[in-house]
């Protein structure tokens, strides 16, 4: 099992942040299915102010390329991602269209 940590910012608006959190209390069933089918065994998202931090535990079938291909071919995932851009904003270092950015592990105990 591998673990990946990613980060992203939300638009710094308390109402939008609250709405984003409400939506994530019960994600769409199609999104849950797409996450699982990509090989993601566990996922947690944490927030501090408008910064998000995601932890993904994935099995050996997972790859970012595979997940990207699956997402591109899934209408409901594309609808979800379009909705999420209402709340999310790319980090300053992001490439055009890039959302969640992979973090580097710098310490482990």
N, C-alpha and C. Protein backbone atom coordinates (compact mmCIF):
# COMPACT_ATOMS: atom_id res chain seq x y z
N UNK A 1 0.86 -1.18 0.00
CA UNK A 1 0.00 0.00 0.00
C UNK A 1 0.90 1.24 0.00
N UNK A 2 0.57 2.18 -0.85
CA UNK A 2 1.30 3.45 -0.91
C UNK A 2 0.42 4.57 -0.36
N UNK A 3 1.07 5.61 0.10
CA UNK A 3 0.37 6.79 0.61
C UNK A 3 0.87 8.01 -0.13
N UNK A 4 -0.08 8.85 -0.54
CA UNK A 4 0.23 10.12 -1.19
C UNK A 4 -0.45 11.24 -0.42
N UNK A 5 0.24 12.36 -0.34
CA UNK A 5 -0.32 13.55 0.30
C UNK A 5 -0.33 14.67 -0.73
N UNK A 6 -1.46 15.34 -0.81
CA UNK A 6 -1.64 16.40 -1.79
C UNK A 6 -2.23 17.63 -1.12
N UNK A 7 -2.07 18.78 -1.77
CA UNK A 7 -2.60 20.02 -1.21
C UNK A 7 -3.24 20.86 -2.30
N UNK A 8 -4.12 21.73 -1.85
CA UNK A 8 -4.88 22.61 -2.73
C UNK A 8 -5.46 23.72 -1.87
N UNK A 9 -5.73 24.86 -2.46
CA UNK A 9 -6.38 25.95 -1.73
C UNK A 9 -7.83 26.08 -2.15
N UNK A 10 -8.62 26.54 -1.19
CA UNK A 10 -9.99 26.94 -1.48
C UNK A 10 -10.01 28.45 -1.69
N UNK A 11 -11.02 28.92 -2.39
CA UNK A 11 -11.22 30.37 -2.47
C UNK A 11 -11.50 30.84 -1.05
N UNK A 12 -10.85 31.91 -0.65
CA UNK A 12 -10.91 32.37 0.74
C UNK A 12 -12.20 33.15 1.00
N UNK A 13 -13.30 32.41 1.05
CA UNK A 13 -14.63 32.96 1.28
C UNK A 13 -15.34 32.02 2.26
N UNK A 14 -15.65 32.49 3.47
CA UNK A 14 -16.24 31.61 4.49
C UNK A 14 -17.51 30.89 4.04
N UNK A 15 -18.35 31.54 3.26
CA UNK A 15 -19.58 30.90 2.80
C UNK A 15 -19.28 29.78 1.81
N UNK A 16 -18.35 30.03 0.89
CA UNK A 16 -17.98 28.98 -0.07
C UNK A 16 -17.29 27.82 0.63
N UNK A 17 -16.45 28.11 1.60
CA UNK A 17 -15.77 27.05 2.35
C UNK A 17 -16.78 26.19 3.10
N UNK A 18 -17.77 26.83 3.74
CA UNK A 18 -18.80 26.07 4.46
C UNK A 18 -19.60 25.20 3.50
N UNK A 19 -19.91 25.72 2.33
CA UNK A 19 -20.65 24.96 1.32
C UNK A 19 -19.82 23.78 0.83
N UNK A 20 -18.53 23.99 0.61
CA UNK A 20 -17.61 22.93 0.17
C UNK A 20 -17.60 21.80 1.21
N UNK A 21 -17.53 22.17 2.47
CA UNK A 21 -17.52 21.14 3.53
C UNK A 21 -18.85 20.40 3.57
N UNK A 22 -19.96 21.10 3.39
CA UNK A 22 -21.27 20.43 3.38
C UNK A 22 -21.35 19.41 2.25
N UNK A 23 -20.89 19.80 1.07
CA UNK A 23 -20.92 18.88 -0.08
C UNK A 23 -20.10 17.63 0.22
N UNK A 24 -18.99 17.79 0.93
CA UNK A 24 -18.13 16.64 1.21
C UNK A 24 -18.62 15.76 2.36
N UNK A 25 -19.69 16.17 3.02
CA UNK A 25 -20.28 15.30 4.04
C UNK A 25 -20.99 14.11 3.39
N UNK A 26 -21.40 14.28 2.13
CA UNK A 26 -22.04 13.19 1.41
C UNK A 26 -21.75 13.37 -0.08
N UNK A 27 -20.59 12.86 -0.50
CA UNK A 27 -20.21 13.00 -1.91
C UNK A 27 -21.15 12.18 -2.78
N UNK A 28 -21.20 12.53 -4.05
CA UNK A 28 -22.05 11.80 -4.98
C UNK A 28 -21.61 10.33 -5.06
N UNK A 29 -22.55 9.41 -5.17
CA UNK A 29 -22.20 7.99 -5.25
C UNK A 29 -21.23 7.68 -6.39
N UNK A 30 -21.39 8.33 -7.52
CA UNK A 30 -20.52 8.09 -8.67
C UNK A 30 -19.07 8.49 -8.38
N UNK A 31 -18.90 9.50 -7.54
CA UNK A 31 -17.56 9.94 -7.18
C UNK A 31 -16.92 8.91 -6.26
N UNK A 32 -17.68 8.44 -5.29
CA UNK A 32 -17.19 7.39 -4.39
C UNK A 32 -16.74 6.17 -5.20
N UNK A 33 -17.59 5.75 -6.16
CA UNK A 33 -17.27 4.58 -6.98
C UNK A 33 -16.00 4.83 -7.80
N UNK A 34 -15.87 6.01 -8.38
CA UNK A 34 -14.69 6.29 -9.21
C UNK A 34 -13.42 6.30 -8.38
N UNK A 35 -13.50 6.78 -7.15
CA UNK A 35 -12.34 6.77 -6.26
C UNK A 35 -11.91 5.34 -5.96
N UNK A 36 -12.88 4.51 -5.60
CA UNK A 36 -12.58 3.11 -5.28
C UNK A 36 -12.05 2.34 -6.48
N UNK A 37 -12.69 2.55 -7.65
CA UNK A 37 -12.28 1.82 -8.85
C UNK A 37 -10.87 2.20 -9.30
N UNK A 38 -10.40 3.36 -8.90
CA UNK A 38 -9.05 3.80 -9.27
C UNK A 38 -7.98 3.14 -8.41
N UNK A 39 -8.40 2.44 -7.35
CA UNK A 39 -7.43 1.78 -6.47
C UNK A 39 -7.14 2.56 -5.20
N UNK A 40 -7.97 3.55 -4.90
CA UNK A 40 -7.80 4.32 -3.67
C UNK A 40 -8.56 3.61 -2.56
N UNK A 41 -7.83 3.15 -1.56
CA UNK A 41 -8.41 2.38 -0.46
C UNK A 41 -8.91 3.28 0.67
N UNK A 42 -8.25 4.40 0.86
CA UNK A 42 -8.64 5.34 1.91
C UNK A 42 -8.28 6.75 1.49
N UNK A 43 -9.12 7.70 1.90
CA UNK A 43 -8.87 9.10 1.57
C UNK A 43 -9.39 9.97 2.71
N UNK A 44 -8.56 10.91 3.11
CA UNK A 44 -8.96 11.89 4.12
C UNK A 44 -8.59 13.27 3.61
N UNK A 45 -9.44 14.25 3.89
CA UNK A 45 -9.13 15.64 3.54
C UNK A 45 -9.25 16.47 4.81
N UNK A 46 -8.24 17.27 5.07
CA UNK A 46 -8.20 18.17 6.22
C UNK A 46 -8.14 19.60 5.72
N UNK A 47 -8.62 20.53 6.54
CA UNK A 47 -8.60 21.93 6.16
C UNK A 47 -8.06 22.79 7.30
N UNK A 48 -7.24 23.77 6.95
CA UNK A 48 -6.80 24.83 7.85
C UNK A 48 -6.98 26.12 7.08
N UNK A 49 -7.87 26.98 7.56
CA UNK A 49 -8.20 28.21 6.85
C UNK A 49 -8.69 27.81 5.46
N UNK A 50 -8.02 28.27 4.41
CA UNK A 50 -8.46 27.88 3.07
C UNK A 50 -7.51 26.86 2.42
N UNK A 51 -6.61 26.28 3.19
CA UNK A 51 -5.67 25.27 2.66
C UNK A 51 -6.22 23.88 2.94
N UNK A 52 -6.24 23.04 1.92
CA UNK A 52 -6.66 21.65 2.05
C UNK A 52 -5.45 20.73 2.00
N UNK A 53 -5.55 19.62 2.71
CA UNK A 53 -4.50 18.60 2.75
C UNK A 53 -5.19 17.25 2.60
N UNK A 54 -4.83 16.49 1.58
CA UNK A 54 -5.44 15.20 1.32
C UNK A 54 -4.42 14.09 1.52
N UNK A 55 -4.87 13.03 2.19
CA UNK A 55 -4.08 11.81 2.35
C UNK A 55 -4.80 10.71 1.58
N UNK A 56 -4.09 10.05 0.68
CA UNK A 56 -4.65 8.93 -0.08
C UNK A 56 -3.82 7.68 0.18
N UNK A 57 -4.48 6.64 0.62
CA UNK A 57 -3.85 5.33 0.71
C UNK A 57 -4.35 4.51 -0.46
N UNK A 58 -3.41 4.01 -1.27
CA UNK A 58 -3.77 3.37 -2.53
C UNK A 58 -3.19 1.97 -2.61
N UNK A 59 -3.86 1.12 -3.38
CA UNK A 59 -3.34 -0.23 -3.59
C UNK A 59 -2.41 -0.25 -4.80
N UNK A 60 -1.93 -1.42 -5.12
CA UNK A 60 -0.92 -1.55 -6.19
C UNK A 60 -1.48 -1.31 -7.59
N UNK A 61 -2.80 -1.25 -7.75
CA UNK A 61 -3.38 -0.99 -9.08
C UNK A 61 -3.45 0.52 -9.37
N UNK A 62 -3.23 1.36 -8.37
CA UNK A 62 -3.39 2.80 -8.54
C UNK A 62 -2.21 3.43 -9.28
N UNK A 63 -2.54 4.38 -10.15
CA UNK A 63 -1.54 5.30 -10.70
C UNK A 63 -2.28 6.61 -11.00
N UNK A 64 -1.55 7.72 -10.92
CA UNK A 64 -2.16 9.00 -11.23
C UNK A 64 -2.60 9.07 -12.69
N UNK A 65 -1.84 8.43 -13.56
CA UNK A 65 -2.19 8.41 -14.98
C UNK A 65 -3.51 7.66 -15.19
N UNK A 66 -3.62 6.49 -14.56
CA UNK A 66 -4.84 5.69 -14.68
C UNK A 66 -6.03 6.48 -14.14
N UNK A 67 -5.86 7.10 -12.99
CA UNK A 67 -6.95 7.88 -12.39
C UNK A 67 -7.34 9.03 -13.31
N UNK A 68 -6.36 9.71 -13.88
CA UNK A 68 -6.64 10.80 -14.81
C UNK A 68 -7.42 10.34 -16.04
N UNK A 69 -7.01 9.21 -16.60
CA UNK A 69 -7.71 8.66 -17.77
C UNK A 69 -9.14 8.28 -17.42
N UNK A 70 -9.31 7.62 -16.26
CA UNK A 70 -10.65 7.23 -15.83
C UNK A 70 -11.53 8.46 -15.61
N UNK A 71 -10.98 9.47 -14.97
CA UNK A 71 -11.75 10.69 -14.69
C UNK A 71 -12.14 11.40 -15.98
N UNK A 72 -11.23 11.46 -16.94
CA UNK A 72 -11.51 12.13 -18.21
C UNK A 72 -12.65 11.46 -18.96
N UNK A 73 -12.78 10.15 -18.80
CA UNK A 73 -13.80 9.39 -19.51
C UNK A 73 -15.13 9.31 -18.76
N UNK A 74 -15.19 9.88 -17.56
CA UNK A 74 -16.38 9.76 -16.71
C UNK A 74 -17.11 11.10 -16.64
N UNK A 75 -18.28 11.16 -17.27
CA UNK A 75 -19.06 12.40 -17.31
C UNK A 75 -19.38 12.94 -15.93
N UNK A 76 -19.74 12.06 -15.02
CA UNK A 76 -20.13 12.50 -13.68
C UNK A 76 -18.93 13.06 -12.91
N UNK A 77 -17.76 12.47 -13.08
CA UNK A 77 -16.55 13.00 -12.46
C UNK A 77 -16.23 14.37 -13.04
N UNK A 78 -16.40 14.53 -14.35
CA UNK A 78 -16.16 15.84 -14.96
C UNK A 78 -17.13 16.89 -14.43
N UNK A 79 -18.38 16.49 -14.23
CA UNK A 79 -19.38 17.40 -13.65
C UNK A 79 -18.97 17.79 -12.22
N UNK A 80 -18.51 16.82 -11.44
CA UNK A 80 -18.06 17.06 -10.07
C UNK A 80 -16.87 18.03 -10.07
N UNK A 81 -15.89 17.76 -10.92
CA UNK A 81 -14.69 18.60 -10.97
C UNK A 81 -15.03 20.03 -11.38
N UNK A 82 -15.95 20.19 -12.30
CA UNK A 82 -16.39 21.53 -12.69
C UNK A 82 -17.03 22.24 -11.50
N UNK A 83 -17.87 21.52 -10.76
CA UNK A 83 -18.48 22.09 -9.56
C UNK A 83 -17.42 22.47 -8.53
N UNK A 84 -16.42 21.61 -8.35
CA UNK A 84 -15.40 21.87 -7.33
C UNK A 84 -14.60 23.14 -7.64
N UNK A 85 -14.43 23.48 -8.92
CA UNK A 85 -13.69 24.70 -9.27
C UNK A 85 -14.41 25.95 -8.77
N UNK A 86 -15.69 25.84 -8.43
CA UNK A 86 -16.41 26.98 -7.82
C UNK A 86 -15.80 27.33 -6.47
N UNK A 87 -15.21 26.34 -5.81
CA UNK A 87 -14.68 26.50 -4.46
C UNK A 87 -13.16 26.50 -4.40
N UNK A 88 -12.53 25.83 -5.33
CA UNK A 88 -11.08 25.61 -5.30
C UNK A 88 -10.33 26.65 -6.13
N UNK A 89 -9.08 26.85 -5.74
CA UNK A 89 -8.20 27.67 -6.57
C UNK A 89 -6.83 27.01 -6.59
N UNK A 90 -6.20 27.12 -7.72
CA UNK A 90 -4.89 26.49 -7.88
C UNK A 90 -3.86 27.17 -7.00
N UNK A 91 -2.89 26.40 -6.56
CA UNK A 91 -1.76 26.95 -5.83
C UNK A 91 -0.91 27.79 -6.76
N UNK A 92 -0.15 28.74 -6.21
CA UNK A 92 0.67 29.61 -7.07
C UNK A 92 1.64 28.85 -7.98
N UNK A 93 2.14 27.69 -7.56
CA UNK A 93 3.10 26.91 -8.35
C UNK A 93 2.44 25.98 -9.37
N UNK A 94 1.11 25.94 -9.39
CA UNK A 94 0.40 24.99 -10.25
C UNK A 94 0.53 25.35 -11.72
N UNK A 95 0.56 24.30 -12.54
CA UNK A 95 0.51 24.48 -13.98
C UNK A 95 -0.94 24.78 -14.37
N UNK A 96 -1.17 25.34 -15.53
CA UNK A 96 -2.56 25.62 -15.95
C UNK A 96 -3.42 24.35 -15.87
N UNK A 97 -4.57 24.46 -15.23
CA UNK A 97 -5.49 23.34 -15.09
C UNK A 97 -5.16 22.38 -13.97
N UNK A 98 -4.02 22.53 -13.32
CA UNK A 98 -3.60 21.63 -12.24
C UNK A 98 -4.30 22.03 -10.95
N UNK A 99 -4.82 21.03 -10.24
CA UNK A 99 -5.52 21.29 -8.99
C UNK A 99 -4.68 20.77 -7.82
N UNK A 100 -5.03 19.59 -7.36
CA UNK A 100 -4.32 18.99 -6.25
C UNK A 100 -2.86 18.78 -6.64
N UNK A 101 -1.95 19.21 -5.76
CA UNK A 101 -0.52 19.06 -6.04
C UNK A 101 0.10 18.09 -5.04
N UNK A 102 0.90 17.18 -5.56
CA UNK A 102 1.57 16.17 -4.75
C UNK A 102 2.61 16.82 -3.86
N UNK A 103 2.61 16.44 -2.59
CA UNK A 103 3.57 16.97 -1.62
C UNK A 103 4.72 15.98 -1.46
N UNK A 104 5.88 16.48 -1.10
CA UNK A 104 7.05 15.65 -0.83
C UNK A 104 7.15 15.38 0.66
N UNK A 105 7.37 14.13 1.00
CA UNK A 105 7.58 13.77 2.41
C UNK A 105 8.98 14.24 2.80
N UNK A 106 9.05 14.96 3.91
CA UNK A 106 10.36 15.44 4.38
C UNK A 106 10.75 14.86 5.72
N UNK A 107 9.82 14.14 6.39
CA UNK A 107 10.14 13.56 7.68
C UNK A 107 9.21 12.38 7.96
N UNK A 108 9.73 11.37 8.63
CA UNK A 108 8.92 10.24 9.07
C UNK A 108 9.50 9.74 10.39
N UNK A 109 8.65 9.44 11.34
CA UNK A 109 9.07 8.93 12.65
C UNK A 109 8.74 7.46 12.71
